[in-house]
Amino acid sequence: MTVPDLAVVKDQISSLQSLPIPEHADSFEEIHNQLNEALTQVEGL
């Protein structure tokens, strides 16, 4: 597995406000999963 590019994740977070509200939940879930994966890689779990 590769560590997600955190700069890309930050851009995704920044762009949330431009998305329609119904798309926020899916975007939050995707961002959460990417951050979770990055943390797992850093911690070596």
PDB file of N, CA and C in Angstrom:
ATOM      1  N   MET A   1       0.835  -1.188   0.000  1.00  0.00           N
ATOM      2  CA  MET A   1       0.000   0.000   0.000  1.00  0.00           C
ATOM      3  C   MET A   1       0.874   1.244   0.000  1.00  0.00           C
ATOM      4  N   THR A   2       0.387   2.257  -0.662  1.00  0.00           N
ATOM      5  CA  THR A   2       1.125   3.514  -0.678  1.00  0.00           C
ATOM      6  C   THR A   2       0.471   4.504   0.274  1.00  0.00           C
ATOM      7  N   VAL A   3       1.290   5.359   0.814  1.00  0.00           N
ATOM      8  CA  VAL A   3       0.789   6.398   1.715  1.00  0.00           C
ATOM      9  C   VAL A   3       0.113   7.471   0.870  1.00  0.00           C
ATOM     10  N   PRO A   4      -1.113   7.850   1.215  1.00  0.00           N
ATOM     11  CA  PRO A   4      -1.793   8.909   0.467  1.00  0.00           C
ATOM     12  C   PRO A   4      -0.998  10.213   0.521  1.00  0.00           C
ATOM     13  N   ASP A   5      -1.010  10.952  -0.578  1.00  0.00           N
ATOM     14  CA  ASP A   5      -0.347  12.253  -0.647  1.00  0.00           C
ATOM     15  C   ASP A   5      -1.166  13.243   0.178  1.00  0.00           C
ATOM     16  N   LEU A   6      -0.606  13.686   1.296  1.00  0.00           N
ATOM     17  CA  LEU A   6      -1.358  14.558   2.202  1.00  0.00           C
ATOM     18  C   LEU A   6      -1.660  15.916   1.583  1.00  0.00           C
ATOM     19  N   ALA A   7      -0.849  16.363   0.637  1.00  0.00           N
ATOM     20  CA  ALA A   7      -1.146  17.621  -0.060  1.00  0.00           C
ATOM     21  C   ALA A   7      -2.433  17.480  -0.868  1.00  0.00           C
ATOM     22  N   VAL A   8      -2.628  16.308  -1.459  1.00  0.00           N
ATOM     23  CA  VAL A   8      -3.858  16.049  -2.214  1.00  0.00           C
ATOM     24  C   VAL A   8      -5.051  16.018  -1.262  1.00  0.00           C
ATOM     25  N   VAL A   9      -4.874  15.385  -0.112  1.00  0.00           N
ATOM     26  CA  VAL A   9      -5.949  15.323   0.884  1.00  0.00           C
ATOM     27  C   VAL A   9      -6.311  16.733   1.351  1.00  0.00           C
ATOM     28  N   LYS A  10      -5.301  17.569   1.589  1.00  0.00           N
ATOM     29  CA  LYS A  10      -5.566  18.957   2.001  1.00  0.00           C
ATOM     30  C   LYS A  10      -6.343  19.703   0.921  1.00  0.00           C
ATOM     31  N   ASP A  11      -6.004  19.466  -0.336  1.00  0.00           N
ATOM     32  CA  ASP A  11      -6.745  20.099  -1.433  1.00  0.00           C
ATOM     33  C   ASP A  11      -8.195  19.619  -1.463  1.00  0.00           C
ATOM     34  N   GLN A  12      -8.399  18.326  -1.193  1.00  0.00           N
ATOM     35  CA  GLN A  12      -9.761  17.791  -1.156  1.00  0.00           C
ATOM     36  C   GLN A  12     -10.567  18.456  -0.040  1.00  0.00           C
ATOM     37  N   ILE A  13      -9.939  18.647   1.105  1.00  0.00           N
ATOM     38  CA  ILE A  13     -10.619  19.309   2.223  1.00  0.00           C
ATOM     39  C   ILE A  13     -10.973  20.740   1.843  1.00  0.00           C
ATOM     40  N   SER A  14     -10.040  21.431   1.217  1.00  0.00           N
ATOM     41  CA  SER A  14     -10.273  22.822   0.811  1.00  0.00           C
ATOM     42  C   SER A  14     -11.387  22.941  -0.217  1.00  0.00           C
ATOM     43  N   SER A  15     -11.523  21.942  -1.067  1.00  0.00           N
ATOM     44  CA  SER A  15     -12.523  22.021  -2.131  1.00  0.00           C
ATOM     45  C   SER A  15     -13.918  21.584  -1.690  1.00  0.00           C
ATOM     46  N   LEU A  16     -14.057  21.100  -0.458  1.00  0.00           N
ATOM     47  CA  LEU A  16     -15.369  20.648   0.019  1.00  0.00           C
ATOM     48  C   LEU A  16     -16.434  21.733  -0.088  1.00  0.00           C
ATOM     49  N   GLN A  17     -16.056  22.962   0.204  1.00  0.00           N
ATOM     50  CA  GLN A  17     -17.050  24.033   0.201  1.00  0.00           C
ATOM     51  C   GLN A  17     -17.645  24.282  -1.180  1.00  0.00           C
ATOM     52  N   SER A  18     -16.951  23.859  -2.235  1.00  0.00           N
ATOM     53  CA  SER A  18     -17.476  24.072  -3.580  1.00  0.00           C
ATOM     54  C   SER A  18     -18.375  22.930  -4.041  1.00  0.00           C
ATOM     55  N   LEU A  19     -18.422  21.861  -3.270  1.00  0.00           N
ATOM     56  CA  LEU A  19     -19.263  20.721  -3.629  1.00  0.00           C
ATOM     57  C   LEU A  19     -20.694  20.930  -3.147  1.00  0.00           C
ATOM     58  N   PRO A  20     -21.647  20.346  -3.863  1.00  0.00           N
ATOM     59  CA  PRO A  20     -23.025  20.369  -3.358  1.00  0.00           C
ATOM     60  C   PRO A  20     -23.095  19.630  -2.018  1.00  0.00           C
ATOM     61  N   ILE A  21     -23.910  20.123  -1.130  1.00  0.00           N
ATOM     62  CA  ILE A  21     -24.008  19.538   0.215  1.00  0.00           C
ATOM     63  C   ILE A  21     -24.276  18.031   0.189  1.00  0.00           C
ATOM     64  N   PRO A  22     -25.123  17.520  -0.708  1.00  0.00           N
ATOM     65  CA  PRO A  22     -25.341  16.065  -0.706  1.00  0.00           C
ATOM     66  C   PRO A  22     -24.079  15.240  -0.981  1.00  0.00           C
ATOM     67  N   GLU A  23     -23.051  15.852  -1.551  1.00  0.00           N
ATOM     68  CA  GLU A  23     -21.810  15.132  -1.839  1.00  0.00           C
ATOM     69  C   GLU A  23     -20.808  15.187  -0.686  1.00  0.00           C
ATOM     70  N   HIS A  24     -21.101  15.980   0.340  1.00  0.00           N
ATOM     71  CA  HIS A  24     -20.159  16.147   1.446  1.00  0.00           C
ATOM     72  C   HIS A  24     -19.897  14.839   2.185  1.00  0.00           C
ATOM     73  N   ALA A  25     -20.907  14.070   2.459  1.00  0.00           N
ATOM     74  CA  ALA A  25     -20.725  12.839   3.245  1.00  0.00           C
ATOM     75  C   ALA A  25     -19.772  11.878   2.551  1.00  0.00           C
ATOM     76  N   ASP A  26     -19.953  11.677   1.249  1.00  0.00           N
ATOM     77  CA  ASP A  26     -19.062  10.783   0.513  1.00  0.00           C
ATOM     78  C   ASP A  26     -17.637  11.318   0.503  1.00  0.00           C
ATOM     79  N   SER A  27     -17.500  12.619   0.350  1.00  0.00           N
ATOM     80  CA  SER A  27     -16.168  13.233   0.340  1.00  0.00           C
ATOM     81  C   SER A  27     -15.507  13.109   1.706  1.00  0.00           C
ATOM     82  N   PHE A  28     -16.265  13.371   2.771  1.00  0.00           N
ATOM     83  CA  PHE A  28     -15.721  13.226   4.124  1.00  0.00           C
ATOM     84  C   PHE A  28     -15.256  11.788   4.360  1.00  0.00           C
ATOM     85  N   GLU A  29     -16.044  10.827   3.902  1.00  0.00           N
ATOM     86  CA  GLU A  29     -15.676   9.428   4.098  1.00  0.00           C
ATOM     87  C   GLU A  29     -14.386   9.098   3.343  1.00  0.00           C
ATOM     88  N   GLU A  30     -14.264   9.574   2.115  1.00  0.00           N
ATOM     89  CA  GLU A  30     -13.054   9.331   1.333  1.00  0.00           C
ATOM     90  C   GLU A  30     -11.830   9.964   2.001  1.00  0.00           C
ATOM     91  N   ILE A  31     -11.984  11.199   2.454  1.00  0.00           N
ATOM     92  CA  ILE A  31     -10.888  11.892   3.137  1.00  0.00           C
ATOM     93  C   ILE A  31     -10.515  11.155   4.421  1.00  0.00           C
ATOM     94  N   HIS A  32     -11.514  10.749   5.178  1.00  0.00           N
ATOM     95  CA  HIS A  32     -11.273  10.012   6.423  1.00  0.00           C
ATOM     96  C   HIS A  32     -10.485   8.732   6.141  1.00  0.00           C
ATOM     97  N   ASN A  33     -10.887   8.003   5.107  1.00  0.00           N
ATOM     98  CA  ASN A  33     -10.196   6.761   4.772  1.00  0.00           C
ATOM     99  C   ASN A  33      -8.747   7.015   4.369  1.00  0.00           C
ATOM    100  N   GLN A  34      -8.511   8.071   3.612  1.00  0.00           N
ATOM    101  CA  GLN A  34      -7.144   8.398   3.196  1.00  0.00           C
ATOM    102  C   GLN A  34      -6.286   8.786   4.397  1.00  0.00           C
ATOM    103  N   LEU A  35      -6.842   9.586   5.298  1.00  0.00           N
ATOM    104  CA  LEU A  35      -6.091   9.975   6.491  1.00  0.00           C
ATOM    105  C   LEU A  35      -5.835   8.768   7.395  1.00  0.00           C
ATOM    106  N   ASN A  36      -6.810   7.899   7.493  1.00  0.00           N
ATOM    107  CA  ASN A  36      -6.658   6.679   8.283  1.00  0.00           C
ATOM    108  C   ASN A  36      -5.537   5.814   7.706  1.00  0.00           C
ATOM    109  N   GLU A  37      -5.504   5.691   6.386  1.00  0.00           N
ATOM    110  CA  GLU A  37      -4.462   4.903   5.724  1.00  0.00           C
ATOM    111  C   GLU A  37      -3.085   5.522   5.959  1.00  0.00           C
ATOM    112  N   ALA A  38      -2.996   6.835   5.863  1.00  0.00           N
ATOM    113  CA  ALA A  38      -1.720   7.516   6.096  1.00  0.00           C
ATOM    114  C   ALA A  38      -1.244   7.281   7.527  1.00  0.00           C
ATOM    115  N   LEU A  39      -2.147   7.388   8.478  1.00  0.00           N
ATOM    116  CA  LEU A  39      -1.786   7.176   9.878  1.00  0.00           C
ATOM    117  C   LEU A  39      -1.349   5.732  10.113  1.00  0.00           C
ATOM    118  N   THR A  40      -2.038   4.802   9.505  1.00  0.00           N
ATOM    119  CA  THR A  40      -1.679   3.393   9.635  1.00  0.00           C
ATOM    120  C   THR A  40      -0.275   3.144   9.099  1.00  0.00           C
ATOM    121  N   GLN A  41       0.040   3.749   7.961  1.00  0.00           N
ATOM    122  CA  GLN A  41       1.371   3.577   7.367  1.00  0.00           C
ATOM    123  C   GLN A  41       2.452   4.186   8.260  1.00  0.00           C
ATOM    124  N   VAL A  42       2.178   5.353   8.813  1.00  0.00           N
ATOM    125  CA  VAL A  42       3.154   6.029   9.667  1.00  0.00           C
ATOM    126  C   VAL A  42       3.398   5.225  10.940  1.00  0.00           C
ATOM    127  N   GLU A  43       2.324   4.692  11.506  1.00  0.00           N
ATOM    128  CA  GLU A  43       2.442   3.935  12.751  1.00  0.00           C
ATOM    129  C   GLU A  43       2.914   2.510  12.518  1.00  0.00           C
ATOM    130  N   GLY A  44       2.900   2.070  11.258  1.00  0.00           N
ATOM    131  CA  GLY A  44       3.339   0.717  10.944  1.00  0.00           C
ATOM    132  C   GLY A  44       2.374  -0.356  11.383  1.00  0.00           C
ATOM    133  N   LEU A  45       1.109  -0.019  11.459  1.00  0.00           N
ATOM    134  CA  LEU A  45       0.102  -0.993  11.897  1.00  0.00           C
ATOM    135  C   LEU A  45      -0.383  -1.850  10.754  1.00  0.00           C
TER     136      LEU A  45
END
